[in-house]
Amino acid sequence: MEEKFELLEQIHHDASMGGYTITKLLESLKDKDNKIKAYLEEILQDYQKYAEDAKAILEKADKKVSSPSMMAKMGSSMGINKEVKEDNSDAAIADMMIQGVSMGSIEIEKKLKQYEKDLDKEYKKIAREYLKFQEKAIQHLKSYL
């Protein structure tokens, strides 16, 4: 796959997994009184937007778009359920989210640096905007620690 599409595939995968994870997390917190839920719903919308945007570009270029694997989703769901059962405080949720967002951010950063010389400005811009969104989310999540 061409570099620009590999970067977009990574953004799609990361944003899709982020959206899935937050959806599952919100389901786990449904009957709980966490203040962080409103912010989770806000960043869920952003993850969904980035996943859809990346998917649209990939489909327009006739590139295959894959979703996160069932194993990744199952692992995420089990981890969320375990963490929420152990500690469902806003601080614990924020900590878990910061770790997940950071992992995804690192992968996007690697791909961007790896292919930066070969990427169109449009794709660099999308990747940088996505990274900026993730950095902003991390900073906001820290306020719950």
N, C-alpha and C. Protein backbone atom coordinates (compact mmCIF):
# COMPACT_ATOMS: atom_id res chain seq x y z
N MET A 1 0.86 -1.18 0.00
CA MET A 1 0.00 0.00 0.00
C MET A 1 0.90 1.24 0.00
N GLU A 2 0.51 2.21 -0.76
CA GLU A 2 1.28 3.43 -0.80
C GLU A 2 1.31 4.06 0.58
N GLU A 3 2.38 4.80 0.84
CA GLU A 3 2.60 5.37 2.15
C GLU A 3 1.43 6.21 2.65
N LYS A 4 0.91 7.06 1.78
CA LYS A 4 -0.18 7.94 2.22
C LYS A 4 -1.40 7.12 2.64
N PHE A 5 -1.62 6.03 1.94
CA PHE A 5 -2.76 5.20 2.28
C PHE A 5 -2.49 4.38 3.55
N GLU A 6 -1.24 4.01 3.75
CA GLU A 6 -0.88 3.29 4.97
C GLU A 6 -1.11 4.19 6.19
N LEU A 7 -0.76 5.45 6.06
CA LEU A 7 -0.99 6.42 7.15
C LEU A 7 -2.50 6.58 7.39
N LEU A 8 -3.27 6.73 6.33
CA LEU A 8 -4.72 6.87 6.47
C LEU A 8 -5.36 5.61 7.05
N GLU A 9 -4.85 4.46 6.65
CA GLU A 9 -5.35 3.20 7.21
C GLU A 9 -5.07 3.16 8.72
N GLN A 10 -3.91 3.62 9.12
CA GLN A 10 -3.57 3.65 10.55
C GLN A 10 -4.50 4.60 11.30
N ILE A 11 -4.77 5.76 10.72
CA ILE A 11 -5.70 6.72 11.34
C ILE A 11 -7.09 6.09 11.45
N HIS A 12 -7.54 5.45 10.37
CA HIS A 12 -8.85 4.80 10.39
C HIS A 12 -8.91 3.73 11.46
N HIS A 13 -7.90 2.89 11.51
CA HIS A 13 -7.86 1.80 12.49
C HIS A 13 -7.85 2.36 13.91
N ASP A 14 -7.00 3.33 14.15
CA ASP A 14 -6.86 3.90 15.49
C ASP A 14 -8.15 4.61 15.91
N ALA A 15 -8.72 5.39 15.02
CA ALA A 15 -9.96 6.12 15.35
C ALA A 15 -11.13 5.15 15.53
N SER A 16 -11.18 4.11 14.71
CA SER A 16 -12.24 3.10 14.85
C SER A 16 -12.12 2.38 16.18
N MET A 17 -10.90 2.01 16.55
CA MET A 17 -10.68 1.32 17.82
C MET A 17 -10.97 2.26 18.99
N GLY A 18 -10.58 3.51 18.87
CA GLY A 18 -10.89 4.49 19.91
C GLY A 18 -12.38 4.66 20.09
N GLY A 19 -13.10 4.75 18.98
CA GLY A 19 -14.55 4.88 19.03
C GLY A 19 -15.21 3.66 19.65
N TYR A 20 -14.74 2.48 19.26
CA TYR A 20 -15.29 1.24 19.81
C TYR A 20 -15.04 1.17 21.32
N THR A 21 -13.83 1.49 21.71
CA THR A 21 -13.46 1.41 23.12
C THR A 21 -14.29 2.38 23.97
N ILE A 22 -14.45 3.59 23.50
CA ILE A 22 -15.22 4.58 24.25
C ILE A 22 -16.69 4.17 24.32
N THR A 23 -17.21 3.62 23.24
CA THR A 23 -18.59 3.14 23.25
C THR A 23 -18.77 2.07 24.32
N LYS A 24 -17.85 1.12 24.39
CA LYS A 24 -17.91 0.06 25.40
C LYS A 24 -17.74 0.63 26.80
N LEU A 25 -16.86 1.60 26.93
CA LEU A 25 -16.63 2.23 28.23
C LEU A 25 -17.90 2.95 28.70
N LEU A 26 -18.52 3.68 27.81
CA LEU A 26 -19.77 4.38 28.15
C LEU A 26 -20.87 3.38 28.54
N GLU A 27 -20.92 2.24 27.87
CA GLU A 27 -21.89 1.20 28.24
C GLU A 27 -21.62 0.70 29.66
N SER A 28 -20.35 0.53 29.99
CA SER A 28 -19.97 0.07 31.33
C SER A 28 -20.29 1.10 32.41
N LEU A 29 -20.28 2.37 32.03
CA LEU A 29 -20.54 3.45 32.99
C LEU A 29 -21.99 3.92 32.98
N LYS A 30 -22.83 3.26 32.19
CA LYS A 30 -24.20 3.71 31.96
C LYS A 30 -24.96 4.05 33.25
N ASP A 31 -24.90 3.19 34.22
CA ASP A 31 -25.66 3.40 35.45
C ASP A 31 -24.84 4.05 36.56
N LYS A 32 -23.71 4.61 36.18
CA LYS A 32 -22.83 5.23 37.16
C LYS A 32 -22.87 6.75 36.99
N ASP A 33 -22.48 7.44 38.04
CA ASP A 33 -22.57 8.91 38.05
C ASP A 33 -21.18 9.53 37.85
N ASN A 34 -20.55 9.23 36.73
CA ASN A 34 -19.21 9.77 36.45
C ASN A 34 -19.31 11.09 35.69
N LYS A 35 -18.56 12.06 36.13
CA LYS A 35 -18.52 13.36 35.45
C LYS A 35 -17.82 13.26 34.10
N ILE A 36 -16.93 12.30 33.95
CA ILE A 36 -16.13 12.17 32.74
C ILE A 36 -16.96 11.70 31.54
N LYS A 37 -18.13 11.16 31.77
CA LYS A 37 -18.95 10.61 30.68
C LYS A 37 -19.25 11.64 29.59
N ALA A 38 -19.54 12.86 29.98
CA ALA A 38 -19.85 13.90 28.98
C ALA A 38 -18.66 14.14 28.07
N TYR A 39 -17.45 14.15 28.63
CA TYR A 39 -16.27 14.36 27.79
C TYR A 39 -16.00 13.14 26.92
N LEU A 40 -16.24 11.96 27.43
CA LEU A 40 -16.07 10.75 26.63
C LEU A 40 -16.99 10.77 25.42
N GLU A 41 -18.22 11.23 25.61
CA GLU A 41 -19.16 11.32 24.48
C GLU A 41 -18.68 12.34 23.45
N GLU A 42 -18.05 13.40 23.93
CA GLU A 42 -17.52 14.42 23.03
C GLU A 42 -16.37 13.87 22.17
N ILE A 43 -15.43 13.19 22.82
CA ILE A 43 -14.31 12.67 22.02
C ILE A 43 -14.72 11.47 21.17
N LEU A 44 -15.76 10.77 21.59
CA LEU A 44 -16.30 9.68 20.76
C LEU A 44 -16.72 10.23 19.41
N GLN A 45 -17.39 11.36 19.40
CA GLN A 45 -17.81 11.98 18.14
C GLN A 45 -16.61 12.33 17.27
N ASP A 46 -15.54 12.82 17.88
CA ASP A 46 -14.33 13.14 17.12
C ASP A 46 -13.69 11.89 16.54
N TYR A 47 -13.60 10.83 17.34
CA TYR A 47 -13.04 9.57 16.83
C TYR A 47 -13.86 9.06 15.65
N GLN A 48 -15.18 9.11 15.78
CA GLN A 48 -16.04 8.64 14.70
C GLN A 48 -15.86 9.47 13.43
N LYS A 49 -15.70 10.78 13.61
CA LYS A 49 -15.49 11.67 12.46
C LYS A 49 -14.18 11.32 11.75
N TYR A 50 -13.09 11.17 12.51
CA TYR A 50 -11.81 10.86 11.89
C TYR A 50 -11.84 9.49 11.21
N ALA A 51 -12.50 8.52 11.82
CA ALA A 51 -12.60 7.19 11.21
C ALA A 51 -13.37 7.26 9.89
N GLU A 52 -14.47 8.00 9.89
CA GLU A 52 -15.28 8.15 8.67
C GLU A 52 -14.53 8.92 7.59
N ASP A 53 -13.83 9.98 7.98
CA ASP A 53 -13.07 10.78 7.01
C ASP A 53 -11.98 9.95 6.34
N ALA A 54 -11.22 9.22 7.16
CA ALA A 54 -10.15 8.39 6.61
C ALA A 54 -10.72 7.29 5.71
N LYS A 55 -11.81 6.69 6.15
CA LYS A 55 -12.45 5.63 5.36
C LYS A 55 -12.92 6.17 4.01
N ALA A 56 -13.52 7.36 4.01
CA ALA A 56 -14.02 7.95 2.76
C ALA A 56 -12.88 8.19 1.78
N ILE A 57 -11.76 8.69 2.26
CA ILE A 57 -10.61 8.94 1.38
C ILE A 57 -10.08 7.62 0.82
N LEU A 58 -9.97 6.61 1.68
CA LEU A 58 -9.47 5.31 1.25
C LEU A 58 -10.41 4.67 0.23
N GLU A 59 -11.71 4.73 0.48
CA GLU A 59 -12.67 4.14 -0.45
C GLU A 59 -12.68 4.88 -1.79
N LYS A 60 -12.54 6.19 -1.73
CA LYS A 60 -12.49 6.98 -2.96
C LYS A 60 -11.30 6.58 -3.83
N ALA A 61 -10.21 6.16 -3.18
CA ALA A 61 -9.01 5.72 -3.89
C ALA A 61 -9.04 4.21 -4.19
N ASP A 62 -10.20 3.60 -3.97
CA ASP A 62 -10.38 2.15 -4.19
C ASP A 62 -9.43 1.30 -3.36
N LYS A 63 -9.16 1.75 -2.15
CA LYS A 63 -8.32 0.99 -1.23
C LYS A 63 -9.21 0.23 -0.26
N LYS A 64 -8.79 -0.96 0.09
CA LYS A 64 -9.55 -1.77 1.03
C LYS A 64 -9.44 -1.15 2.42
N VAL A 65 -10.57 -1.05 3.09
CA VAL A 65 -10.61 -0.48 4.43
C VAL A 65 -10.94 -1.61 5.40
N SER A 66 -10.01 -1.86 6.32
CA SER A 66 -10.26 -2.92 7.30
C SER A 66 -10.57 -2.31 8.66
N SER A 67 -11.41 -3.00 9.38
CA SER A 67 -11.77 -2.58 10.73
C SER A 67 -10.90 -3.33 11.72
N PRO A 68 -10.84 -2.83 12.95
CA PRO A 68 -10.08 -3.56 13.97
C PRO A 68 -10.58 -4.99 14.08
N SER A 69 -9.69 -5.91 14.38
CA SER A 69 -10.05 -7.32 14.45
C SER A 69 -10.96 -7.61 15.63
N MET A 70 -11.67 -8.70 15.53
CA MET A 70 -12.55 -9.13 16.61
C MET A 70 -11.74 -9.40 17.88
N MET A 71 -10.53 -9.92 17.71
CA MET A 71 -9.67 -10.18 18.88
C MET A 71 -9.31 -8.88 19.58
N ALA A 72 -8.98 -7.85 18.81
CA ALA A 72 -8.63 -6.55 19.41
C ALA A 72 -9.84 -5.99 20.15
N LYS A 73 -11.00 -6.13 19.55
CA LYS A 73 -12.22 -5.63 20.19
C LYS A 73 -12.55 -6.41 21.46
N MET A 74 -12.40 -7.72 21.41
CA MET A 74 -12.67 -8.54 22.59
C MET A 74 -11.70 -8.20 23.71
N GLY A 75 -10.43 -8.04 23.36
CA GLY A 75 -9.43 -7.68 24.37
C GLY A 75 -9.75 -6.34 25.01
N SER A 76 -10.15 -5.41 24.18
CA SER A 76 -10.52 -4.08 24.67
C SER A 76 -11.72 -4.16 25.61
N SER A 77 -12.74 -4.89 25.20
CA SER A 77 -13.95 -5.03 26.01
C SER A 77 -13.65 -5.68 27.36
N MET A 78 -12.86 -6.74 27.34
CA MET A 78 -12.52 -7.43 28.58
C MET A 78 -11.71 -6.52 29.50
N GLY A 79 -10.76 -5.79 28.91
CA GLY A 79 -9.95 -4.87 29.70
C GLY A 79 -10.79 -3.77 30.34
N ILE A 80 -11.70 -3.23 29.58
CA ILE A 80 -12.58 -2.17 30.10
C ILE A 80 -13.43 -2.71 31.24
N ASN A 81 -14.05 -3.86 31.03
CA ASN A 81 -14.90 -4.44 32.08
C ASN A 81 -14.11 -4.69 33.36
N LYS A 82 -12.91 -5.21 33.21
CA LYS A 82 -12.05 -5.49 34.37
C LYS A 82 -11.70 -4.19 35.09
N GLU A 83 -11.27 -3.20 34.34
CA GLU A 83 -10.86 -1.92 34.94
C GLU A 83 -12.02 -1.22 35.63
N VAL A 84 -13.18 -1.20 35.00
CA VAL A 84 -14.34 -0.52 35.57
C VAL A 84 -14.81 -1.23 36.84
N LYS A 85 -14.73 -2.56 36.86
CA LYS A 85 -15.12 -3.30 38.07
C LYS A 85 -14.16 -2.99 39.23
N GLU A 86 -12.86 -2.87 38.90
CA GLU A 86 -11.87 -2.60 39.94
C GLU A 86 -11.96 -1.17 40.47
N ASP A 87 -12.11 -0.22 39.55
CA ASP A 87 -12.15 1.20 39.96
C ASP A 87 -12.80 2.00 38.84
N ASN A 88 -14.00 2.49 39.12
CA ASN A 88 -14.70 3.24 38.09
C ASN A 88 -14.68 4.75 38.38
N SER A 89 -13.71 5.18 39.16
CA SER A 89 -13.60 6.62 39.44
C SER A 89 -13.20 7.36 38.17
N ASP A 90 -13.51 8.64 38.13
CA ASP A 90 -13.12 9.45 36.97
C ASP A 90 -11.62 9.42 36.76
N ALA A 91 -10.85 9.43 37.85
CA ALA A 91 -9.39 9.41 37.74
C ALA A 91 -8.91 8.11 37.08
N ALA A 92 -9.50 6.99 37.47
CA ALA A 92 -9.10 5.70 36.89
C ALA A 92 -9.49 5.63 35.42
N ILE A 93 -10.67 6.13 35.10
CA ILE A 93 -11.13 6.13 33.70
C ILE A 93 -10.21 7.03 32.87
N ALA A 94 -9.90 8.21 33.39
CA ALA A 94 -9.02 9.15 32.68
C ALA A 94 -7.65 8.52 32.46
N ASP A 95 -7.12 7.84 33.46
CA ASP A 95 -5.82 7.20 33.34
C ASP A 95 -5.84 6.14 32.24
N MET A 96 -6.88 5.33 32.23
CA MET A 96 -7.01 4.29 31.20
C MET A 96 -7.11 4.92 29.81
N MET A 97 -7.89 5.98 29.70
CA MET A 97 -8.05 6.66 28.42
C MET A 97 -6.74 7.31 27.95
N ILE A 98 -6.04 7.93 28.85
CA ILE A 98 -4.76 8.57 28.49
C ILE A 98 -3.80 7.53 27.94
N GLN A 99 -3.74 6.37 28.58
CA GLN A 99 -2.86 5.31 28.09
C GLN A 99 -3.25 4.85 26.69
N GLY A 100 -4.54 4.67 26.47
CA GLY A 100 -5.01 4.22 25.15
C GLY A 100 -4.78 5.25 24.07
N VAL A 101 -5.12 6.51 24.36
CA VAL A 101 -4.93 7.58 23.37
C VAL A 101 -3.44 7.74 23.06
N SER A 102 -2.60 7.64 24.07
CA SER A 102 -1.15 7.78 23.88
C SER A 102 -0.59 6.69 22.98
N MET A 103 -1.05 5.46 23.18
CA MET A 103 -0.57 4.36 22.34
C MET A 103 -0.92 4.61 20.88
N GLY A 104 -2.15 5.02 20.62
CA GLY A 104 -2.56 5.31 19.26
C GLY A 104 -1.80 6.47 18.67
N SER A 105 -1.57 7.47 19.46
CA SER A 105 -0.85 8.66 19.01
C SER A 105 0.58 8.31 18.60
N ILE A 106 1.20 7.44 19.34
CA ILE A 106 2.58 7.03 19.03
C ILE A 106 2.64 6.35 17.66
N GLU A 107 1.67 5.48 17.37
CA GLU A 107 1.66 4.79 16.08
C GLU A 107 1.47 5.76 14.92
N ILE A 108 0.59 6.73 15.09
CA ILE A 108 0.37 7.72 14.03
C ILE A 108 1.63 8.56 13.85
N GLU A 109 2.23 8.96 14.94
CA GLU A 109 3.46 9.76 14.89
C GLU A 109 4.57 9.01 14.15
N LYS A 110 4.72 7.72 14.42
CA LYS A 110 5.73 6.90 13.74
C LYS A 110 5.50 6.88 12.24
N LYS A 111 4.26 6.62 11.84
CA LYS A 111 3.94 6.55 10.41
C LYS A 111 4.16 7.91 9.74
N LEU A 112 3.76 8.97 10.41
CA LEU A 112 3.93 10.31 9.85
C LEU A 112 5.41 10.61 9.63
N LYS A 113 6.23 10.30 10.60
CA LYS A 113 7.67 10.55 10.47
C LYS A 113 8.30 9.63 9.43
N GLN A 114 7.84 8.39 9.39
CA GLN A 114 8.38 7.40 8.46
C GLN A 114 8.14 7.80 7.00
N TYR A 115 6.96 8.36 6.73
CA TYR A 115 6.57 8.65 5.35
C TYR A 115 6.50 10.13 5.02
N GLU A 116 6.90 10.99 5.93
CA GLU A 116 6.68 12.42 5.77
C GLU A 116 7.18 12.99 4.44
N LYS A 117 8.31 12.53 3.98
CA LYS A 117 8.88 13.06 2.73
C LYS A 117 8.04 12.70 1.51
N ASP A 118 7.31 11.60 1.60
CA ASP A 118 6.55 11.10 0.45
C ASP A 118 5.06 11.46 0.48
N LEU A 119 4.63 12.13 1.54
CA LEU A 119 3.20 12.40 1.70
C LEU A 119 2.77 13.72 1.07
N ASP A 120 1.55 13.72 0.55
CA ASP A 120 0.94 14.96 0.07
C ASP A 120 0.62 15.84 1.28
N LYS A 121 0.54 17.13 1.04
CA LYS A 121 0.22 18.07 2.11
C LYS A 121 -1.11 17.73 2.77
N GLU A 122 -2.08 17.32 1.96
CA GLU A 122 -3.42 16.99 2.48
C GLU A 122 -3.36 15.88 3.53
N TYR A 123 -2.58 14.85 3.27
CA TYR A 123 -2.50 13.71 4.18
C TYR A 123 -1.70 14.06 5.43
N LYS A 124 -0.67 14.87 5.27
CA LYS A 124 0.08 15.35 6.44
C LYS A 124 -0.84 16.17 7.33
N LYS A 125 -1.66 17.01 6.70
CA LYS A 125 -2.57 17.87 7.44
C LYS A 125 -3.57 17.03 8.24
N ILE A 126 -4.14 16.02 7.62
CA ILE A 126 -5.08 15.15 8.31
C ILE A 126 -4.41 14.47 9.50
N ALA A 127 -3.22 13.95 9.28
CA ALA A 127 -2.50 13.26 10.36
C ALA A 127 -2.16 14.23 11.50
N ARG A 128 -1.72 15.41 11.15
CA ARG A 128 -1.37 16.40 12.19
C ARG A 128 -2.61 16.85 12.96
N GLU A 129 -3.72 17.03 12.27
CA GLU A 129 -4.97 17.39 12.94
C GLU A 129 -5.41 16.28 13.90
N TYR A 130 -5.26 15.04 13.46
CA TYR A 130 -5.62 13.91 14.30
C TYR A 130 -4.73 13.86 15.53
N LEU A 131 -3.43 14.06 15.34
CA LEU A 131 -2.51 14.08 16.48
C LEU A 131 -2.83 15.23 17.43
N LYS A 132 -3.18 16.37 16.88
CA LYS A 132 -3.54 17.52 17.72
C LYS A 132 -4.80 17.21 18.54
N PHE A 133 -5.78 16.56 17.91
CA PHE A 133 -6.98 16.14 18.63
C PHE A 133 -6.61 15.21 19.79
N GLN A 134 -5.72 14.26 19.52
CA GLN A 134 -5.32 13.32 20.57
C GLN A 134 -4.58 14.02 21.70
N GLU A 135 -3.69 14.93 21.36
CA GLU A 135 -2.96 15.67 22.38
C GLU A 135 -3.91 16.51 23.24
N LYS A 136 -4.87 17.14 22.61
CA LYS A 136 -5.87 17.94 23.32
C LYS A 136 -6.70 17.04 24.24
N ALA A 137 -7.07 15.87 23.76
CA ALA A 137 -7.85 14.93 24.57
C ALA A 137 -7.05 14.50 25.79
N ILE A 138 -5.79 14.20 25.60
CA ILE A 138 -4.94 13.80 26.73
C ILE A 138 -4.86 14.91 27.76
N GLN A 139 -4.64 16.12 27.30
CA GLN A 139 -4.54 17.26 28.24
C GLN A 139 -5.86 17.44 29.01
N HIS A 140 -6.97 17.33 28.33
CA HIS A 140 -8.27 17.47 29.01
C HIS A 140 -8.50 16.32 29.99
N LEU A 141 -8.16 15.12 29.59
CA LEU A 141 -8.33 13.95 30.46
C LEU A 141 -7.50 14.08 31.74
N LYS A 142 -6.36 14.73 31.63
CA LYS A 142 -5.51 14.92 32.82
C LYS A 142 -6.22 15.70 33.91
N SER A 143 -7.18 16.53 33.53
CA SER A 143 -7.91 17.31 34.54
C SER A 143 -8.77 16.42 35.45
N TYR A 144 -9.00 15.17 35.04
CA TYR A 144 -9.78 14.24 35.85
C TYR A 144 -8.90 13.40 36.78
N LEU A 145 -7.60 13.49 36.62
CA LEU A 145 -6.69 12.68 37.47
C LEU A 145 -6.66 13.17 38.89
